[in-house]
Amino acid sequence: MSKADDIFIGMCADIIENGTTTEGQKVRPRWEDGASAYTIKRFGVCNRYDLREEFPALTLRRTALKSCMDEILWIYQRKSNNIRDLKPHIWDEWADETGSIGKAYGYQVGQVSHYADGDYDQMDRVLKDLRENPYSRRIMTNLYTFADLSEMHLYPCAFNVIYNVTHDAGAEKPVLNMLLVQRSQDVLAANNWNVCQYALLLMMVAQVSNMVPGEFVHMIADAHIYDRHIGIVRELIARPCHPAPKVSLNPGVHDFYAFTTDDLIVEDYVFGPQVAGIPIAV
């Protein structure tokens, strides 16, 4: 089976069997019918994926990898906070009449800071440091800016990306690793979507930095399954699994800002049927 399947099944089983419930507590999310959306959750989940072994896509059901890539490019490459610049419709419910989601996500990546050697936004600084000072322990992006939270239509969930370079003895190229910190995650709706997004971001940044993509470490503070999702999750994790797909990028791209979803190559992706009608709490 795909190692991502194994990790996902173990995490979901642990949440259902050993998690704590928010039932009866004051919660923000609501279902479409107005009922409170309660969860069962685990605090402080840490999952590790090694991209040198395989790409971490679920095979229990299909993850739309080109859509994942489009959203990650929307945030870190296009640095946009407007859904009109994004093909998937996952942000539609949080956008205003102009298409804006406020001072969130791509807006934060594009904010410029002043350094002694010039002015850089967050992503440009990451790319520069990986070229010029790759063993720095300060290479990161952070989307959780307290002063701007009141002007965000939704607080960022996956908000802090830390890059770290290692170099195995005798290896031709250094290895680029990534740690993602996420404050909250709807496991059924978003877990593998986020995993694949940031795995693709790691692959792109590694390629343009002349490095090998290595470990992706995913830290989730509040990993939860909504009450109306528990039956769906039980059915999903009981399905048969398949080997991981082969996922690669167009090797001719050497500029992060030149990547498009056409540069994503997916081969031998075998997966189970899609889960229809997942209710989403807002």
C-alpha atoms as a PDB file:
ATOM      1  CA  MET A   1       0.000   0.000   0.000  1.00  0.00           C
ATOM      2  CA  SER A   2       0.977   3.642  -0.257  1.00  0.00           C
ATOM      3  CA  LYS A   3       2.748   4.783   2.905  1.00  0.00           C
ATOM      4  CA  ALA A   4       0.431   7.802   2.874  1.00  0.00           C
ATOM      5  CA  ASP A   5      -2.517   5.380   3.106  1.00  0.00           C
ATOM      6  CA  ASP A   6      -0.900   3.636   6.057  1.00  0.00           C
ATOM      7  CA  ILE A   7      -0.290   6.932   7.883  1.00  0.00           C
ATOM      8  CA  PHE A   8      -3.796   8.208   7.137  1.00  0.00           C
ATOM      9  CA  ILE A   9      -5.498   4.998   8.285  1.00  0.00           C
ATOM     10  CA  GLY A  10      -3.488   4.946  11.512  1.00  0.00           C
ATOM     11  CA  MET A  11      -4.174   8.618  12.247  1.00  0.00           C
ATOM     12  CA  CYS A  12      -7.914   8.320  11.618  1.00  0.00           C
ATOM     13  CA  ALA A  13      -8.216   5.162  13.715  1.00  0.00           C
ATOM     14  CA  ASP A  14      -6.325   6.833  16.548  1.00  0.00           C
ATOM     15  CA  ILE A  15      -8.564   9.914  16.446  1.00  0.00           C
ATOM     16  CA  ILE A  16     -11.753   7.825  16.472  1.00  0.00           C
ATOM     17  CA  GLU A  17     -10.565   5.406  19.157  1.00  0.00           C
ATOM     18  CA  ASN A  18      -8.582   7.717  21.424  1.00  0.00           C
ATOM     19  CA  GLY A  19      -9.675  11.254  20.620  1.00  0.00           C
ATOM     20  CA  THR A  20     -11.622  13.690  22.752  1.00  0.00           C
ATOM     21  CA  THR A  21     -14.964  15.179  21.743  1.00  0.00           C
ATOM     22  CA  THR A  22     -16.100  18.808  21.632  1.00  0.00           C
ATOM     23  CA  GLU A  23     -19.756  17.777  21.869  1.00  0.00           C
ATOM     24  CA  GLY A  24     -21.665  20.105  24.181  1.00  0.00           C
ATOM     25  CA  GLN A  25     -18.935  22.755  24.094  1.00  0.00           C
ATOM     26  CA  LYS A  26     -19.114  26.204  22.507  1.00  0.00           C
ATOM     27  CA  VAL A  27     -17.806  25.760  18.939  1.00  0.00           C
ATOM     28  CA  ARG A  28     -17.624  28.193  16.015  1.00  0.00           C
ATOM     29  CA  PRO A  29     -18.381  25.952  12.977  1.00  0.00           C
ATOM     30  CA  ARG A  30     -21.951  25.227  11.917  1.00  0.00           C
ATOM     31  CA  TRP A  31     -23.510  22.775   9.500  1.00  0.00           C
ATOM     32  CA  GLU A  32     -25.641  24.052   6.648  1.00  0.00           C
ATOM     33  CA  ASP A  33     -28.780  23.379   8.721  1.00  0.00           C
ATOM     34  CA  GLY A  34     -27.443  25.595  11.515  1.00  0.00           C
ATOM     35  CA  ALA A  35     -26.512  22.790  13.930  1.00  0.00           C
ATOM     36  CA  SER A  36     -23.224  23.003  15.814  1.00  0.00           C
ATOM     37  CA  ALA A  37     -20.446  21.057  14.091  1.00  0.00           C
ATOM     38  CA  TYR A  38     -18.746  19.031  16.822  1.00  0.00           C
ATOM     39  CA  THR A  39     -15.539  17.072  16.370  1.00  0.00           C
ATOM     40  CA  ILE A  40     -13.513  14.250  17.826  1.00  0.00           C
ATOM     41  CA  LYS A  41      -9.866  15.254  17.842  1.00  0.00           C
ATOM     42  CA  ARG A  42      -6.263  14.519  18.749  1.00  0.00           C
ATOM     43  CA  PHE A  43      -3.866  17.248  19.799  1.00  0.00           C
ATOM     44  CA  GLY A  44      -0.333  17.444  18.428  1.00  0.00           C
ATOM     45  CA  VAL A  45      -0.310  14.944  15.552  1.00  0.00           C
ATOM     46  CA  CYS A  46       3.016  14.567  13.726  1.00  0.00           C
ATOM     47  CA  ASN A  47       3.266  12.673  10.428  1.00  0.00           C
ATOM     48  CA  ARG A  48       6.471  12.147   8.414  1.00  0.00           C
ATOM     49  CA  TYR A  49       6.728  11.486   4.682  1.00  0.00           C
ATOM     50  CA  ASP A  50       9.992  10.860   2.817  1.00  0.00           C
ATOM     51  CA  LEU A  51       9.712  12.016  -0.781  1.00  0.00           C
ATOM     52  CA  ARG A  52      12.840  10.041  -1.666  1.00  0.00           C
ATOM     53  CA  GLU A  53      10.756   6.895  -1.106  1.00  0.00           C
ATOM     54  CA  GLU A  54       7.445   7.821  -2.712  1.00  0.00           C
ATOM     55  CA  PHE A  55       4.964  10.650  -3.264  1.00  0.00           C
ATOM     56  CA  PRO A  56       2.436  10.803  -0.383  1.00  0.00           C
ATOM     57  CA  ALA A  57      -0.857  10.631  -2.297  1.00  0.00           C
ATOM     58  CA  LEU A  58      -3.740   8.605  -0.888  1.00  0.00           C
ATOM     59  CA  THR A  59      -4.975   5.714  -2.980  1.00  0.00           C
ATOM     60  CA  LEU A  60      -8.038   5.079  -0.808  1.00  0.00           C
ATOM     61  CA  ARG A  61      -9.586   7.813  -2.950  1.00  0.00           C
ATOM     62  CA  ARG A  62      -8.189  10.226  -5.525  1.00  0.00           C
ATOM     63  CA  THR A  63      -6.504  13.464  -4.509  1.00  0.00           C
ATOM     64  CA  ALA A  64      -6.718  16.050  -7.302  1.00  0.00           C
ATOM     65  CA  LEU A  65      -2.997  16.756  -7.623  1.00  0.00           C
ATOM     66  CA  LYS A  66      -3.180  19.451 -10.301  1.00  0.00           C
ATOM     67  CA  SER A  67      -5.738  21.334  -8.203  1.00  0.00           C
ATOM     68  CA  CYS A  68      -3.472  20.955  -5.151  1.00  0.00           C
ATOM     69  CA  MET A  69      -0.603  22.410  -7.166  1.00  0.00           C
ATOM     70  CA  ASP A  70      -2.739  25.273  -8.474  1.00  0.00           C
ATOM     71  CA  GLU A  71      -3.677  26.337  -4.943  1.00  0.00           C
ATOM     72  CA  ILE A  72      -0.103  26.167  -3.660  1.00  0.00           C
ATOM     73  CA  LEU A  73       1.050  28.243  -6.642  1.00  0.00           C
ATOM     74  CA  TRP A  74      -1.806  30.683  -5.939  1.00  0.00           C
ATOM     75  CA  ILE A  75      -0.408  31.235  -2.439  1.00  0.00           C
ATOM     76  CA  TYR A  76       3.378  31.072  -2.833  1.00  0.00           C
ATOM     77  CA  GLN A  77       3.974  31.907  -6.500  1.00  0.00           C
ATOM     78  CA  ARG A  78       1.104  34.202  -7.547  1.00  0.00           C
ATOM     79  CA  LYS A  79       0.872  35.521  -3.960  1.00  0.00           C
ATOM     80  CA  SER A  80      -2.805  36.159  -4.428  1.00  0.00           C
ATOM     81  CA  ASN A  81      -5.677  36.510  -2.001  1.00  0.00           C
ATOM     82  CA  ASN A  82      -8.319  36.646  -4.734  1.00  0.00           C
ATOM     83  CA  ILE A  83     -10.224  33.527  -5.771  1.00  0.00           C
ATOM     84  CA  ARG A  84     -10.458  34.800  -9.349  1.00  0.00           C
ATOM     85  CA  ASP A  85      -6.771  33.831  -9.650  1.00  0.00           C
ATOM     86  CA  LEU A  86      -7.516  30.258  -8.512  1.00  0.00           C
ATOM     87  CA  LYS A  87      -9.096  27.428 -10.512  1.00  0.00           C
ATOM     88  CA  PRO A  88     -10.474  25.250  -7.637  1.00  0.00           C
ATOM     89  CA  HIS A  89     -13.531  26.667  -5.867  1.00  0.00           C
ATOM     90  CA  ILE A  90     -12.489  25.708  -2.341  1.00  0.00           C
ATOM     91  CA  TRP A  91     -12.315  29.326  -1.146  1.00  0.00           C
ATOM     92  CA  ASP A  92     -15.579  30.562  -2.662  1.00  0.00           C
ATOM     93  CA  GLU A  93     -17.492  30.592   0.636  1.00  0.00           C
ATOM     94  CA  TRP A  94     -14.947  32.912   2.260  1.00  0.00           C
ATOM     95  CA  ALA A  95     -14.575  35.447  -0.571  1.00  0.00           C
ATOM     96  CA  ASP A  96     -16.306  38.805  -0.738  1.00  0.00           C
ATOM     97  CA  GLU A  97     -18.008  40.313  -3.782  1.00  0.00           C
ATOM     98  CA  THR A  98     -14.621  41.281  -5.265  1.00  0.00           C
ATOM     99  CA  GLY A  99     -13.229  37.754  -4.863  1.00  0.00           C
ATOM    100  CA  SER A 100     -10.911  38.726  -1.989  1.00  0.00           C
ATOM    101  CA  ILE A 101     -10.375  36.606   1.136  1.00  0.00           C
ATOM    102  CA  GLY A 102      -8.834  39.572   2.935  1.00  0.00           C
ATOM    103  CA  LYS A 103      -5.248  39.903   4.150  1.00  0.00           C
ATOM    104  CA  ALA A 104      -4.725  36.142   4.161  1.00  0.00           C
ATOM    105  CA  TYR A 105      -2.507  33.499   2.563  1.00  0.00           C
ATOM    106  CA  GLY A 106      -0.939  34.921  -0.612  1.00  0.00           C
ATOM    107  CA  TYR A 107      -1.271  38.463   0.690  1.00  0.00           C
ATOM    108  CA  GLN A 108       1.010  37.560   3.595  1.00  0.00           C
ATOM    109  CA  VAL A 109       3.573  35.794   1.378  1.00  0.00           C
ATOM    110  CA  GLY A 110       3.840  38.920  -0.748  1.00  0.00           C
ATOM    111  CA  GLN A 111       4.531  41.320   2.115  1.00  0.00           C
ATOM    112  CA  VAL A 112       7.973  42.920   1.706  1.00  0.00           C
ATOM    113  CA  SER A 113      10.540  43.278   4.498  1.00  0.00           C
ATOM    114  CA  HIS A 114      13.633  45.437   4.448  1.00  0.00           C
ATOM    115  CA  TYR A 115      17.026  43.718   4.774  1.00  0.00           C
ATOM    116  CA  ALA A 116      20.538  45.123   4.631  1.00  0.00           C
ATOM    117  CA  ASP A 117      20.977  43.589   1.168  1.00  0.00           C
ATOM    118  CA  GLY A 118      17.600  44.636  -0.243  1.00  0.00           C
ATOM    119  CA  ASP A 119      13.835  44.300  -0.027  1.00  0.00           C
ATOM    120  CA  TYR A 120      12.263  40.821  -0.226  1.00  0.00           C
ATOM    121  CA  ASP A 121       8.891  39.216   0.235  1.00  0.00           C
ATOM    122  CA  GLN A 122       8.699  35.946   2.146  1.00  0.00           C
ATOM    123  CA  MET A 123       9.032  33.545  -0.794  1.00  0.00           C
ATOM    124  CA  ASP A 124      11.754  35.515  -2.529  1.00  0.00           C
ATOM    125  CA  ARG A 125      13.759  35.504   0.694  1.00  0.00           C
ATOM    126  CA  VAL A 126      13.388  31.717   1.030  1.00  0.00           C
ATOM    127  CA  LEU A 127      14.653  31.193  -2.517  1.00  0.00           C
ATOM    128  CA  LYS A 128      17.567  33.603  -2.007  1.00  0.00           C
ATOM    129  CA  ASP A 129      18.633  32.003   1.283  1.00  0.00           C
ATOM    130  CA  LEU A 130      18.484  28.505  -0.191  1.00  0.00           C
ATOM    131  CA  ARG A 131      20.780  29.660  -2.985  1.00  0.00           C
ATOM    132  CA  GLU A 132      23.217  31.654  -0.867  1.00  0.00           C
ATOM    133  CA  ASN A 133      22.970  30.415   2.725  1.00  0.00           C
ATOM    134  CA  PRO A 134      21.260  27.006   2.576  1.00  0.00           C
ATOM    135  CA  TYR A 135      22.357  25.771   6.018  1.00  0.00           C
ATOM    136  CA  SER A 136      20.696  28.692   7.784  1.00  0.00           C
ATOM    137  CA  ARG A 137      18.127  27.669  10.398  1.00  0.00           C
ATOM    138  CA  ARG A 138      16.054  30.768   9.636  1.00  0.00           C
ATOM    139  CA  ILE A 139      14.559  29.836   6.264  1.00  0.00           C
ATOM    140  CA  MET A 140      10.794  29.945   6.677  1.00  0.00           C
ATOM    141  CA  THR A 141       7.490  31.578   5.789  1.00  0.00           C
ATOM    142  CA  ASN A 142       4.801  32.571   8.291  1.00  0.00           C
ATOM    143  CA  LEU A 143       1.241  33.491   7.323  1.00  0.00           C
ATOM    144  CA  TYR A 144      -0.119  34.062  10.851  1.00  0.00           C
ATOM    145  CA  THR A 145       0.324  37.807  11.307  1.00  0.00           C
ATOM    146  CA  PHE A 146      -1.554  38.877  14.423  1.00  0.00           C
ATOM    147  CA  ALA A 147      -1.986  42.496  13.326  1.00  0.00           C
ATOM    148  CA  ASP A 148      -3.838  41.382  10.171  1.00  0.00           C
ATOM    149  CA  LEU A 149      -6.074  38.631  11.607  1.00  0.00           C
ATOM    150  CA  SER A 150      -9.095  40.921  11.923  1.00  0.00           C
ATOM    151  CA  GLU A 151      -8.876  41.608   8.173  1.00  0.00           C
ATOM    152  CA  MET A 152      -8.680  37.934   7.156  1.00  0.00           C
ATOM    153  CA  HIS A 153     -11.916  36.212   6.157  1.00  0.00           C
ATOM    154  CA  LEU A 154     -10.519  33.000   7.647  1.00  0.00           C
ATOM    155  CA  TYR A 155      -7.501  32.585   9.884  1.00  0.00           C
ATOM    156  CA  PRO A 156      -4.794  30.560   8.089  1.00  0.00           C
ATOM    157  CA  CYS A 157      -4.805  26.854   8.943  1.00  0.00           C
ATOM    158  CA  ALA A 158      -1.491  25.717   7.422  1.00  0.00           C
ATOM    159  CA  PHE A 159       0.582  28.752   8.297  1.00  0.00           C
ATOM    160  CA  ASN A 160       4.262  28.089   9.014  1.00  0.00           C
ATOM    161  CA  VAL A 161       6.715  26.411   6.614  1.00  0.00           C
ATOM    162  CA  ILE A 162      10.288  25.779   7.778  1.00  0.00           C
ATOM    163  CA  TYR A 163      12.960  24.641   5.319  1.00  0.00           C
ATOM    164  CA  ASN A 164      16.013  22.724   6.472  1.00  0.00           C
ATOM    165  CA  VAL A 165      18.922  21.408   4.396  1.00  0.00           C
ATOM    166  CA  THR A 166      20.902  18.241   5.130  1.00  0.00           C
ATOM    167  CA  HIS A 167      23.743  16.666   3.175  1.00  0.00           C
ATOM    168  CA  ASP A 168      24.473  12.968   3.358  1.00  0.00           C
ATOM    169  CA  ALA A 169      28.132  12.008   3.120  1.00  0.00           C
ATOM    170  CA  GLY A 170      29.048  11.216  -0.476  1.00  0.00           C
ATOM    171  CA  ALA A 171      25.751  12.491  -1.899  1.00  0.00           C
ATOM    172  CA  GLU A 172      25.890  14.521  -5.083  1.00  0.00           C
ATOM    173  CA  LYS A 173      23.275  17.058  -3.987  1.00  0.00           C
ATOM    174  CA  PRO A 174      22.030  18.382  -0.640  1.00  0.00           C
ATOM    175  CA  VAL A 175      18.585  17.337   0.600  1.00  0.00           C
ATOM    176  CA  LEU A 176      15.847  19.904   1.183  1.00  0.00           C
ATOM    177  CA  ASN A 177      13.435  19.039   4.004  1.00  0.00           C
ATOM    178  CA  MET A 178      10.277  20.834   5.079  1.00  0.00           C
ATOM    179  CA  LEU A 179       8.267  21.122   8.281  1.00  0.00           C
ATOM    180  CA  LEU A 180       4.692  22.413   8.014  1.00  0.00           C
ATOM    181  CA  VAL A 181       2.874  23.665  11.116  1.00  0.00           C
ATOM    182  CA  GLN A 182      -0.908  23.614  10.906  1.00  0.00           C
ATOM    183  CA  ARG A 183      -3.118  24.952  13.700  1.00  0.00           C
ATOM    184  CA  SER A 184      -6.254  23.031  12.692  1.00  0.00           C
ATOM    185  CA  GLN A 185      -7.296  20.419  10.147  1.00  0.00           C
ATOM    186  CA  ASP A 186     -10.521  18.830   8.972  1.00  0.00           C
ATOM    187  CA  VAL A 187      -8.940  15.406   8.422  1.00  0.00           C
ATOM    188  CA  LEU A 188     -11.499  13.985   5.985  1.00  0.00           C
ATOM    189  CA  ALA A 189     -11.821  17.050   3.783  1.00  0.00           C
ATOM    190  CA  ALA A 190      -8.292  18.408   3.860  1.00  0.00           C
ATOM    191  CA  ASN A 191      -5.588  16.085   5.196  1.00  0.00           C
ATOM    192  CA  ASN A 192      -4.201  14.565   2.022  1.00  0.00           C
ATOM    193  CA  TRP A 193      -4.935  17.740   0.065  1.00  0.00           C
ATOM    194  CA  ASN A 194      -2.577  19.660   2.377  1.00  0.00           C
ATOM    195  CA  VAL A 195      -0.003  16.848   2.419  1.00  0.00           C
ATOM    196  CA  CYS A 196       0.146  16.719  -1.381  1.00  0.00           C
ATOM    197  CA  GLN A 197       0.178  20.514  -1.703  1.00  0.00           C
ATOM    198  CA  TYR A 198       3.201  20.970   0.485  1.00  0.00           C
ATOM    199  CA  ALA A 199       4.956  17.912  -0.904  1.00  0.00           C
ATOM    200  CA  LEU A 200       4.637  19.553  -4.326  1.00  0.00           C
ATOM    201  CA  LEU A 201       5.901  22.870  -2.934  1.00  0.00           C
ATOM    202  CA  LEU A 202       8.903  21.039  -1.461  1.00  0.00           C
ATOM    203  CA  MET A 203       9.579  19.373  -4.809  1.00  0.00           C
ATOM    204  CA  MET A 204       9.405  22.666  -6.710  1.00  0.00           C
ATOM    205  CA  VAL A 205      11.616  24.585  -4.307  1.00  0.00           C
ATOM    206  CA  ALA A 206      14.140  21.721  -4.183  1.00  0.00           C
ATOM    207  CA  GLN A 207      14.323  21.551  -7.971  1.00  0.00           C
ATOM    208  CA  VAL A 208      14.991  25.264  -8.466  1.00  0.00           C
ATOM    209  CA  SER A 209      17.530  25.179  -5.600  1.00  0.00           C
ATOM    210  CA  ASN A 210      19.421  22.226  -7.193  1.00  0.00           C
ATOM    211  CA  MET A 211      18.563  19.966  -4.254  1.00  0.00           C
ATOM    212  CA  VAL A 212      16.802  16.656  -3.684  1.00  0.00           C
ATOM    213  CA  PRO A 213      13.373  16.770  -1.974  1.00  0.00           C
ATOM    214  CA  GLY A 214      13.637  14.840   1.289  1.00  0.00           C
ATOM    215  CA  GLU A 215      11.445  14.637   4.380  1.00  0.00           C
ATOM    216  CA  PHE A 216       8.130  16.441   4.687  1.00  0.00           C
ATOM    217  CA  VAL A 217       7.102  16.650   8.350  1.00  0.00           C
ATOM    218  CA  HIS A 218       3.493  17.658   9.022  1.00  0.00           C
ATOM    219  CA  MET A 219       2.627  19.003  12.482  1.00  0.00           C
ATOM    220  CA  ILE A 220      -1.098  19.400  13.195  1.00  0.00           C
ATOM    221  CA  ALA A 221      -2.112  21.037  16.475  1.00  0.00           C
ATOM    222  CA  ASP A 222      -5.823  20.111  16.269  1.00  0.00           C
ATOM    223  CA  ALA A 223      -6.423  17.116  13.970  1.00  0.00           C
ATOM    224  CA  HIS A 224     -10.161  16.510  13.984  1.00  0.00           C
ATOM    225  CA  ILE A 225     -12.929  14.491  12.400  1.00  0.00           C
ATOM    226  CA  TYR A 226     -16.355  16.123  12.366  1.00  0.00           C
ATOM    227  CA  ASP A 227     -19.257  14.239  13.924  1.00  0.00           C
ATOM    228  CA  ARG A 228     -21.027  13.884  10.558  1.00  0.00           C
ATOM    229  CA  HIS A 229     -17.823  12.575   8.950  1.00  0.00           C
ATOM    230  CA  ILE A 230     -17.117   9.647  11.287  1.00  0.00           C
ATOM    231  CA  GLY A 231     -19.125   7.082   9.318  1.00  0.00           C
ATOM    232  CA  ILE A 232     -17.567   8.236   6.048  1.00  0.00           C
ATOM    233  CA  VAL A 233     -14.066   7.951   7.531  1.00  0.00           C
ATOM    234  CA  ARG A 234     -14.751   4.443   8.858  1.00  0.00           C
ATOM    235  CA  GLU A 235     -15.794   3.334   5.362  1.00  0.00           C
ATOM    236  CA  LEU A 236     -12.838   5.083   3.712  1.00  0.00           C
ATOM    237  CA  ILE A 237     -10.133   3.546   5.898  1.00  0.00           C
ATOM    238  CA  ALA A 238     -11.593   0.051   5.424  1.00  0.00           C
ATOM    239  CA  ARG A 239     -10.992   0.192   1.668  1.00  0.00           C
ATOM    240  CA  PRO A 240      -8.236  -1.667  -0.185  1.00  0.00           C
ATOM    241  CA  CYS A 241      -5.014   0.267  -0.800  1.00  0.00           C
ATOM    242  CA  HIS A 242      -2.766   0.511  -3.836  1.00  0.00           C
ATOM    243  CA  PRO A 243       0.895   1.401  -4.480  1.00  0.00           C
ATOM    244  CA  ALA A 244       1.754   5.093  -4.490  1.00  0.00           C
ATOM    245  CA  PRO A 245       1.697   6.901  -7.839  1.00  0.00           C
ATOM    246  CA  LYS A 246       4.836   8.191  -9.526  1.00  0.00           C
ATOM    247  CA  VAL A 247       4.825  11.989  -9.332  1.00  0.00           C
ATOM    248  CA  SER A 248       7.471  14.231 -10.861  1.00  0.00           C
ATOM    249  CA  LEU A 249       8.017  17.699 -12.277  1.00  0.00           C
ATOM    250  CA  ASN A 250       9.166  18.919 -15.662  1.00  0.00           C
ATOM    251  CA  PRO A 251      12.965  18.824 -15.159  1.00  0.00           C
ATOM    252  CA  GLY A 252      13.417  21.763 -17.530  1.00  0.00           C
ATOM    253  CA  VAL A 253      11.962  24.291 -15.067  1.00  0.00           C
ATOM    254  CA  HIS A 254      14.638  26.069 -13.014  1.00  0.00           C
ATOM    255  CA  ASP A 255      12.701  29.198 -11.965  1.00  0.00           C
ATOM    256  CA  PHE A 256      10.087  28.824  -9.230  1.00  0.00           C
ATOM    257  CA  TYR A 257       7.956  31.515 -10.904  1.00  0.00           C
ATOM    258  CA  ALA A 258       7.880  29.578 -14.181  1.00  0.00           C
ATOM    259  CA  PHE A 259       6.077  26.477 -12.835  1.00  0.00           C
ATOM    260  CA  THR A 260       2.534  25.790 -14.021  1.00  0.00           C
ATOM    261  CA  THR A 261       0.278  22.801 -13.406  1.00  0.00           C
ATOM    262  CA  ASP A 262       1.256  21.572 -16.876  1.00  0.00           C
ATOM    263  CA  ASP A 263       4.697  20.800 -15.375  1.00  0.00           C
ATOM    264  CA  LEU A 264       3.217  18.178 -13.050  1.00  0.00           C
ATOM    265  CA  ILE A 265       3.622  14.589 -14.252  1.00  0.00           C
ATOM    266  CA  VAL A 266       1.482  11.891 -12.576  1.00  0.00           C
ATOM    267  CA  GLU A 267       1.841   8.245 -13.583  1.00  0.00           C
ATOM    268  CA  ASP A 268       0.317   4.956 -12.427  1.00  0.00           C
ATOM    269  CA  TYR A 269      -2.179   6.559 -10.031  1.00  0.00           C
ATOM    270  CA  VAL A 270      -4.626   3.815  -9.023  1.00  0.00           C
ATOM    271  CA  PHE A 271      -7.259   4.841  -6.488  1.00  0.00           C
ATOM    272  CA  GLY A 272     -10.615   3.965  -4.986  1.00  0.00           C
ATOM    273  CA  PRO A 273     -13.927   5.712  -5.722  1.00  0.00           C
ATOM    274  CA  GLN A 274     -14.392   9.317  -4.704  1.00  0.00           C
ATOM    275  CA  VAL A 275     -16.415  10.033  -1.564  1.00  0.00           C
ATOM    276  CA  ALA A 276     -19.532  11.906  -2.628  1.00  0.00           C
ATOM    277  CA  GLY A 277     -21.480  14.470  -0.671  1.00  0.00           C
ATOM    278  CA  ILE A 278     -19.073  15.272   2.170  1.00  0.00           C
ATOM    279  CA  PRO A 279     -20.802  17.933   4.297  1.00  0.00           C
ATOM    280  CA  ILE A 280     -18.556  20.910   5.045  1.00  0.00           C
ATOM    281  CA  ALA A 281     -18.793  22.866   8.284  1.00  0.00           C
ATOM    282  CA  VAL A 282     -18.316  26.621   7.997  1.00  0.00           C
END
